[in-house]
Protein backbone atom coordinates (compact mmCIF):
# COMPACT_ATOMS: atom_id res chain seq x y z
CA UNK A 1 0.00 0.00 0.00
CA UNK A 2 1.54 3.28 -1.12
CA UNK A 3 -1.18 5.85 -0.52
CA UNK A 4 -4.78 6.54 0.45
CA UNK A 5 -7.57 8.28 -1.45
CA UNK A 6 -10.35 9.34 0.93
CA UNK A 7 -13.76 9.38 -0.75
CA UNK A 8 -16.94 11.27 0.16
CA UNK A 9 -15.25 13.66 2.60
CA UNK A 10 -17.69 16.06 4.20
CA UNK A 11 -15.24 18.97 4.44
CA UNK A 12 -11.58 19.94 4.21
CA UNK A 13 -11.30 19.30 7.93
CA UNK A 14 -12.63 15.77 7.39
CA UNK A 15 -9.73 15.19 4.98
CA UNK A 16 -7.29 16.58 7.54
CA UNK A 17 -8.58 14.13 10.16
CA UNK A 18 -7.98 11.24 7.77
CA UNK A 19 -4.47 12.47 6.95
CA UNK A 20 -3.51 12.90 10.62
CA UNK A 21 -4.79 9.41 11.45
CA UNK A 22 -2.51 7.73 8.90
CA UNK A 23 1.00 6.52 9.73
CA UNK A 24 3.94 8.57 8.48
CA UNK A 25 4.79 6.06 5.74
CA UNK A 26 1.26 6.08 4.28
CA UNK A 27 0.42 9.48 2.71
CA UNK A 28 -3.04 10.80 1.95
CA UNK A 29 -3.02 11.32 -1.80
CA UNK A 30 -6.39 13.00 -2.04
CA UNK A 31 -9.49 13.86 -0.01
CA UNK A 32 -12.38 13.82 -2.48
CA UNK A 33 -15.54 15.61 -1.43
CA UNK A 34 -19.04 14.26 -1.97
CA UNK A 35 -20.04 14.76 -5.59
CA UNK A 36 -23.19 13.41 -7.23
CA UNK A 37 -21.54 13.57 -10.67
CA UNK A 38 -19.42 10.50 -9.83
CA UNK A 39 -21.96 8.51 -7.83
CA UNK A 40 -23.09 5.12 -9.14
CA UNK A 41 -26.61 3.89 -8.31
CA UNK A 42 -26.86 0.86 -6.03
CA UNK A 43 -29.31 -1.95 -5.48
CA UNK A 44 -29.55 -4.88 -3.08
CA UNK A 45 -26.64 -6.94 -4.46
CA UNK A 46 -24.32 -4.07 -5.31
CA UNK A 47 -24.21 -1.56 -8.15
CA UNK A 48 -26.71 -1.22 -10.95
CA UNK A 49 -24.95 -2.93 -13.83
CA UNK A 50 -23.39 -0.99 -16.74
CA UNK A 51 -25.60 -2.86 -19.24
CA UNK A 52 -28.60 -1.09 -17.71
CA UNK A 53 -27.10 2.38 -18.20
CA UNK A 54 -26.61 4.44 -21.33
CA UNK A 55 -23.03 4.61 -22.59
CA UNK A 56 -23.05 8.42 -22.42
CA UNK A 57 -24.07 8.27 -18.76
CA UNK A 58 -21.19 5.93 -17.91
CA UNK A 59 -18.68 8.05 -19.79
CA UNK A 60 -19.83 11.18 -17.97
CA UNK A 61 -19.18 9.45 -14.61
CA UNK A 62 -15.69 8.41 -15.67
CA UNK A 63 -14.87 11.89 -16.95
CA UNK A 64 -16.14 13.50 -13.75
CA UNK A 65 -14.07 11.09 -11.66
CA UNK A 66 -10.95 11.85 -13.69
CA UNK A 67 -11.53 15.59 -13.26
CA UNK A 68 -11.90 15.18 -9.49
CA UNK A 69 -8.62 13.29 -9.21
CA UNK A 70 -6.78 15.82 -11.35
CA UNK A 71 -8.13 18.72 -9.29
CA UNK A 72 -6.89 16.93 -6.16
CA UNK A 73 -3.30 17.08 -7.55
CA UNK A 74 -2.97 13.31 -7.52
CA UNK A 75 -1.00 13.04 -10.78
CA UNK A 76 2.45 13.61 -9.19
CA UNK A 77 1.83 10.59 -6.95
CA UNK A 78 0.75 8.42 -9.89
CA UNK A 79 3.93 9.28 -11.81
CA UNK A 80 5.99 7.84 -8.94
CA UNK A 81 4.19 4.49 -8.85
CA UNK A 82 6.19 1.40 -9.65
CA UNK A 83 4.70 -1.54 -11.55
CA UNK A 84 2.72 -3.90 -9.34
CA UNK A 85 4.67 -7.01 -8.35
CA UNK A 86 2.36 -10.03 -8.19
CA UNK A 87 3.26 -13.06 -6.10
CA UNK A 88 3.87 -16.21 -8.15
CA UNK A 89 0.74 -18.35 -8.32
CA UNK A 90 0.58 -22.13 -8.06
CA UNK A 91 -2.21 -22.81 -10.54
CA UNK A 92 -2.99 -26.49 -11.17
CA UNK A 93 -2.45 -27.66 -14.73
CA UNK A 94 -5.60 -27.79 -16.86
CA UNK A 95 -6.42 -30.85 -18.93
CA UNK A 96 -7.20 -29.40 -22.37
CA UNK A 97 -9.35 -32.41 -23.27
CA UNK A 98 -11.35 -32.63 -20.01
CA UNK A 99 -14.44 -31.10 -21.64
CA UNK A 100 -13.59 -31.83 -25.25
CA UNK A 101 -16.72 -32.23 -27.37
CA UNK A 102 -18.93 -30.68 -24.68
CA UNK A 103 -21.09 -27.62 -25.34
CA UNK A 104 -22.16 -25.56 -22.34
CA UNK A 105 -25.09 -23.16 -22.66
CA UNK A 106 -24.92 -20.17 -20.33
CA UNK A 107 -27.92 -17.99 -19.50
CA UNK A 108 -27.03 -14.36 -20.14
CA UNK A 109 -29.46 -11.44 -20.16
CA UNK A 110 -30.82 -8.80 -17.77
CA UNK A 111 -31.90 -11.52 -15.32
CA UNK A 112 -28.67 -13.57 -15.36
CA UNK A 113 -25.42 -11.69 -15.65
CA UNK A 114 -23.09 -12.58 -12.75
CA UNK A 115 -20.60 -14.26 -15.07
CA UNK A 116 -16.83 -13.96 -14.62
CA UNK A 117 -14.52 -14.06 -17.61
CA UNK A 118 -12.01 -16.28 -15.75
CA UNK A 119 -14.61 -19.05 -15.44
CA UNK A 120 -15.44 -18.90 -19.14
CA UNK A 121 -11.74 -18.98 -20.01
CA UNK A 122 -11.21 -22.03 -17.80
CA UNK A 123 -14.07 -23.93 -19.43
CA UNK A 124 -12.69 -23.11 -22.87
CA UNK A 125 -9.16 -24.10 -21.83
CA UNK A 126 -10.62 -27.46 -20.80
CA UNK A 127 -11.99 -27.92 -24.31
CA UNK A 128 -15.61 -26.85 -23.87
CA UNK A 129 -17.54 -24.88 -26.46
CA UNK A 130 -19.55 -21.99 -24.98
CA UNK A 131 -22.85 -20.58 -26.23
CA UNK A 132 -25.29 -18.13 -24.65
CA UNK A 133 -29.05 -17.80 -24.50
CA UNK A 134 -31.67 -15.57 -22.85
CA UNK A 135 -34.30 -17.15 -20.56
CA UNK A 136 -36.22 -13.87 -20.89
CA UNK A 137 -36.25 -13.41 -24.67
CA UNK A 138 -35.43 -16.72 -26.40
CA UNK A 139 -38.01 -19.40 -27.15
CA UNK A 140 -35.77 -22.31 -26.19
CA UNK A 141 -32.30 -23.43 -25.25
CA UNK A 142 -29.66 -23.83 -27.95
CA UNK A 143 -29.71 -27.29 -29.58
CA UNK A 144 -27.01 -29.94 -29.10
CA UNK A 145 -26.09 -28.66 -25.65
CA UNK A 146 -24.52 -31.08 -23.17
CA UNK A 147 -24.46 -28.86 -20.07
CA UNK A 148 -26.36 -25.85 -18.72
CA UNK A 149 -25.17 -23.04 -16.46
CA UNK A 150 -27.70 -20.71 -14.82
CA UNK A 151 -25.56 -18.04 -13.13
CA UNK A 152 -26.52 -15.40 -10.60
CA UNK A 153 -28.27 -12.17 -11.43
CA UNK A 154 -31.59 -10.48 -10.76
CA UNK A 155 -34.39 -12.92 -11.69
CA UNK A 156 -36.59 -11.25 -9.06
CA UNK A 157 -36.55 -8.03 -11.11
CA UNK A 158 -37.66 -9.90 -14.24
CA UNK A 159 -39.83 -12.61 -12.65
CA UNK A 160 -42.92 -11.66 -14.68
CA UNK A 161 -41.14 -12.03 -18.04
CA UNK A 162 -39.43 -15.25 -16.94
CA UNK A 163 -42.76 -16.67 -15.75
CA UNK A 164 -44.51 -15.77 -19.01
CA UNK A 165 -41.87 -17.37 -21.26
CA UNK A 166 -43.54 -20.79 -21.13
CA UNK A 167 -41.76 -22.15 -24.21
CA UNK A 168 -38.37 -21.52 -22.59
CA UNK A 169 -39.58 -23.14 -19.37
CA UNK A 170 -40.65 -26.23 -21.35
CA UNK A 171 -37.29 -26.37 -23.11
CA UNK A 172 -35.39 -26.22 -19.82
CA UNK A 173 -37.62 -28.87 -18.27
CA UNK A 174 -36.99 -31.25 -21.20
CA UNK A 175 -33.24 -30.73 -20.73
CA UNK A 176 -33.55 -31.55 -17.04
CA UNK A 177 -35.75 -34.60 -17.64
CA UNK A 178 -33.12 -35.93 -20.05
CA UNK A 179 -30.75 -36.16 -17.08
CA UNK A 180 -28.26 -33.63 -18.44
CA UNK A 181 -26.14 -31.63 -15.96
CA UNK A 182 -27.27 -28.21 -14.73
CA UNK A 183 -25.28 -25.82 -12.56
CA UNK A 184 -27.58 -23.25 -10.95
CA UNK A 185 -26.19 -20.71 -8.53
CA UNK A 186 -27.53 -17.68 -6.71
CA UNK A 187 -30.28 -16.17 -8.92
CA UNK A 188 -30.08 -19.18 -11.21
CA UNK A 189 -30.88 -21.41 -8.23
CA UNK A 190 -33.92 -19.28 -7.37
CA UNK A 191 -35.08 -19.61 -10.98
CA UNK A 192 -35.08 -23.42 -10.66
CA UNK A 193 -37.66 -23.42 -7.87
CA UNK A 194 -41.43 -23.71 -8.25
CA UNK A 195 -42.13 -20.10 -7.34
CA UNK A 196 -40.36 -16.83 -6.59
CA UNK A 197 -41.68 -14.06 -4.33
CA UNK A 198 -40.24 -10.67 -5.21
CA UNK A 199 -39.49 -7.66 -2.98
CA UNK A 200 -43.09 -6.43 -3.41
CA UNK A 201 -44.45 -9.83 -2.24
CA UNK A 202 -45.69 -10.76 -5.73
CA UNK A 203 -45.47 -14.52 -6.26
CA UNK A 204 -44.49 -15.87 -9.68
CA UNK A 205 -44.60 -19.41 -10.99
CA UNK A 206 -41.21 -20.12 -12.52
CA UNK A 207 -39.11 -23.04 -13.76
CA UNK A 208 -40.06 -25.72 -11.24
CA UNK A 209 -37.09 -28.08 -11.68
CA UNK A 210 -37.09 -28.59 -7.91
CA UNK A 211 -39.57 -28.14 -5.10
CA UNK A 212 -39.42 -24.97 -3.06
CA UNK A 213 -40.07 -21.26 -2.98
CA UNK A 214 -37.53 -18.47 -3.17
CA UNK A 215 -38.29 -15.23 -1.39
CA UNK A 216 -36.52 -11.89 -1.65
CA UNK A 217 -35.98 -9.98 1.59
CA UNK A 218 -35.38 -6.31 2.21
CA UNK A 219 -32.49 -7.06 4.58
CA UNK A 220 -29.25 -8.95 4.17
CA UNK A 221 -29.19 -12.61 5.12
CA UNK A 222 -26.24 -14.81 6.02
CA UNK A 223 -23.65 -12.06 5.59
CA UNK A 224 -20.10 -13.24 6.25
CA UNK A 225 -17.75 -16.18 5.83
CA UNK A 226 -19.34 -19.62 5.80
CA UNK A 227 -18.13 -23.18 5.34
CA UNK A 228 -19.80 -25.82 3.17
CA UNK A 229 -18.74 -29.34 4.28
CA UNK A 230 -18.90 -31.19 0.95
CA UNK A 231 -18.12 -34.93 0.93
CA UNK A 232 -14.95 -34.06 -1.01
CA UNK A 233 -13.84 -31.51 1.60
CA UNK A 234 -14.74 -28.13 3.03
CA UNK A 235 -15.18 -25.04 0.86
CA UNK A 236 -14.99 -21.59 2.45
CA UNK A 237 -16.69 -18.61 0.87
CA UNK A 238 -18.26 -15.25 1.63
CA UNK A 239 -22.05 -15.02 1.51
CA UNK A 240 -23.96 -11.87 0.68
CA UNK A 241 -27.59 -12.10 -0.35
CA UNK A 242 -31.12 -10.82 0.18
CA UNK A 243 -32.96 -14.07 -0.42
CA UNK A 244 -34.08 -17.22 1.36
CA UNK A 245 -35.55 -20.51 0.22
CA UNK A 246 -38.06 -22.84 1.83
CA UNK A 247 -39.63 -26.21 1.08
CA UNK A 248 -36.59 -27.42 -0.88
CA UNK A 249 -35.26 -31.01 -0.90
CA UNK A 250 -32.65 -31.94 1.70
CA UNK A 251 -29.20 -30.77 0.50
CA UNK A 252 -26.05 -32.89 0.57
CA UNK A 253 -24.62 -30.05 2.66
CA UNK A 254 -25.19 -26.38 3.35
CA UNK A 255 -23.14 -23.39 4.33
CA UNK A 256 -22.61 -22.91 8.06
CA UNK A 257 -20.86 -20.25 10.01
CA UNK A 258 -18.05 -21.21 12.32
CA UNK A 259 -19.59 -20.47 15.71
CA UNK A 260 -17.15 -20.24 18.60
CA UNK A 261 -18.66 -20.61 22.06
CA UNK A 262 -16.62 -18.73 24.66
CA UNK A 263 -16.90 -19.46 28.38
CA UNK A 264 -17.62 -16.22 30.21
CA UNK A 265 -18.66 -15.89 33.84
CA UNK A 266 -17.07 -15.35 37.25
CA UNK A 267 -14.81 -18.38 36.71
CA UNK A 268 -13.66 -17.52 33.18
CA UNK A 269 -13.13 -13.88 32.33
CA UNK A 270 -9.62 -13.41 30.89
CA UNK A 271 -10.79 -12.60 27.36
CA UNK A 272 -9.42 -9.70 25.36
CA UNK A 273 -11.46 -7.61 22.95
CA UNK A 274 -8.75 -7.73 20.28
CA UNK A 275 -8.99 -11.54 20.14
CA UNK A 276 -12.77 -11.45 19.79
CA UNK A 277 -12.50 -8.82 17.06
CA UNK A 278 -9.94 -10.93 15.18
CA UNK A 279 -12.19 -14.01 15.27
CA UNK A 280 -15.12 -11.96 13.95
CA UNK A 281 -12.95 -10.42 11.24
CA UNK A 282 -12.08 -13.97 10.18
CA UNK A 283 -15.80 -14.68 9.76
CA UNK A 284 -16.58 -16.46 13.01
CA UNK A 285 -19.81 -15.98 14.87
CA UNK A 286 -19.33 -15.57 18.62
CA UNK A 287 -21.60 -16.78 21.40
CA UNK A 288 -21.02 -17.03 25.12
CA UNK A 289 -21.92 -19.55 27.80
CA UNK A 290 -21.45 -19.97 31.54
CA UNK A 291 -19.92 -23.22 32.80
CA UNK A 292 -21.21 -22.23 36.23
CA UNK A 293 -24.84 -21.43 35.41
CA UNK A 294 -25.79 -22.85 31.99
CA UNK A 295 -26.86 -26.45 31.46
CA UNK A 296 -25.06 -26.93 28.14
CA UNK A 297 -23.01 -25.38 25.37
CA UNK A 298 -24.94 -23.88 22.44
CA UNK A 299 -25.99 -26.50 19.88
CA UNK A 300 -24.73 -24.13 17.15
CA UNK A 301 -21.16 -24.16 18.46
CA UNK A 302 -18.49 -25.59 16.17
CA UNK A 303 -15.61 -24.77 18.53
CA UNK A 304 -15.15 -23.87 22.21
CA UNK A 305 -12.76 -21.47 23.88
CA UNK A 306 -12.17 -21.89 27.62
CA UNK A 307 -10.16 -18.82 28.59
CA UNK A 308 -8.29 -18.04 31.77
CA UNK A 309 -9.94 -16.92 34.98
CA UNK A 310 -10.45 -18.15 38.52
CA UNK A 311 -12.00 -21.63 38.31
CA UNK A 312 -10.40 -22.47 41.67
CA UNK A 313 -12.60 -19.86 43.38
CA UNK A 314 -15.73 -21.42 41.87
CA UNK A 315 -14.65 -25.06 41.76
CA UNK A 316 -17.59 -26.28 43.88
CA UNK A 317 -20.19 -24.76 41.51
CA UNK A 318 -18.30 -25.96 38.43
CA UNK A 319 -18.07 -29.48 39.86
CA UNK A 320 -21.78 -29.57 40.74
CA UNK A 321 -22.91 -28.53 37.22
CA UNK A 322 -23.00 -32.09 35.89
CA UNK A 323 -25.16 -31.26 32.88
CA UNK A 324 -22.58 -28.74 31.64
CA UNK A 325 -19.76 -31.23 32.18
CA UNK A 326 -21.69 -33.85 30.19
CA UNK A 327 -22.25 -31.31 27.39
CA UNK A 328 -18.54 -30.51 27.22
CA UNK A 329 -17.61 -34.20 27.21
CA UNK A 330 -19.98 -34.91 24.29
CA UNK A 331 -18.52 -31.96 22.38
CA UNK A 332 -15.01 -33.31 23.01
CA UNK A 333 -15.96 -36.90 22.07
CA UNK A 334 -17.36 -35.60 18.77
CA UNK A 335 -13.86 -34.45 17.89
CA UNK A 336 -14.71 -30.75 17.80
CA UNK A 337 -11.92 -28.29 18.63
CA UNK A 338 -11.48 -26.87 22.12
CA UNK A 339 -8.97 -24.17 23.05
CA UNK A 340 -8.29 -24.22 26.79
CA UNK A 341 -5.79 -21.85 28.36
CA UNK A 342 -4.74 -21.01 31.89
CA UNK A 343 -7.79 -21.52 34.14
CA UNK A 344 -9.65 -23.08 31.25
CA UNK A 345 -6.93 -25.73 31.01
CA UNK A 346 -7.28 -26.50 34.74
CA UNK A 347 -11.02 -26.93 34.24
CA UNK A 348 -10.39 -29.56 31.56
CA UNK A 349 -8.52 -31.86 34.00
CA UNK A 350 -9.98 -34.69 36.09
CA UNK A 351 -9.69 -32.79 39.35
CA UNK A 352 -8.79 -29.40 40.74
CA UNK A 353 -7.38 -28.82 44.23
CA UNK A 354 -8.00 -25.32 45.54
CA UNK A 355 -5.83 -23.26 47.89
CA UNK A 356 -7.45 -24.84 50.95
CA UNK A 357 -6.70 -28.36 49.77
CA UNK A 358 -10.24 -29.22 48.74
CA UNK A 359 -10.42 -31.56 45.71
CA UNK A 360 -13.20 -31.11 43.12
CA UNK A 361 -14.13 -33.20 40.11
CA UNK A 362 -13.81 -31.14 36.92
CA UNK A 363 -14.69 -31.65 33.25
CA UNK A 364 -12.32 -34.58 32.81
CA UNK A 365 -11.45 -33.95 29.18
CA UNK A 366 -7.80 -34.77 29.89
CA UNK A 367 -6.14 -36.86 32.60
CA UNK A 368 -4.49 -34.98 35.40
CA UNK A 369 -4.91 -32.88 38.49
CA UNK A 370 -4.52 -29.14 38.82
CA UNK A 371 -3.30 -27.87 42.19
CA UNK A 372 -3.36 -24.27 43.34
CA UNK A 373 -0.31 -23.13 45.31
CA UNK A 374 0.10 -20.37 47.85
CA UNK A 375 3.34 -19.24 46.20
CA UNK A 376 3.82 -18.46 42.54
CA UNK A 377 5.56 -20.95 40.32
């Protein structure tokens, strides 16, 4: 990182605050004020796409943005930039004949447009032939197609047209009934259901390749990093959507958030905000539980953190909470990860002897006895 451009600054003083907050080796190149001439309209999944705007409108935004940067005297900084050095990538070799003789039809129109050039290039490098079609405007799929890709997009904005194109729906159903492969993701997945409910609560009958109803929501759902435990291994990805589905067949797997249950009560309290923030920044969902008072760990937990604290001062209560101990033992027997440190580590042992010599049965996740001493060691 060689410099910062602050956008949408409310005043010159706002830009000064940004500059003063930066380290000495990271200069503020420009503090751009709010300007409607460079704003791009947004919708629920991001920006309104360029294909929906007139070319003159797009050019005017680019020209206005260039003028803003020039007025901010940014050009001297740009002249000093060195070429970007990319780290070497370990990209697996592609079999050029893996999809030889295969033709993949890709839906592409106003309803389906979340298509990345790198994916198309990869399919072509593997020998596939690519063709495109419009579920909104075309009467049927292309002929002699061996695979179908329904990518993401905005089917909810075009649900009426998609629903009314009955010849296209019949064509897609025949393809599905022939047992040919279909990849449907995001908006394409919604299109495959029996019905779709848009933002205005209008319900449309759509493709019907699988049972279920897709519903658009006004608020984000499932935002953040999730893990999909496929039989072949876990896949991690970021989710960002305004939709939900119901009544669908049971999936082979589904995305789940890593939920870390952290012990927090009078016995376990040595947790630092920076650690919690780091876990959340990595996509984890955090929940808390009390080994003293609660009867079990949250059923949503995929990992447990037993931090430091003073379990020796509350050993009697911890020992008497048999239901919590049973919950922790089941979690451990299931092979799920547990981080235990300091007092949390003592709690994991068979027994704990307090400062007065009293011995208490603990969680028993590992063999051993913890003994408190009067003197430090």
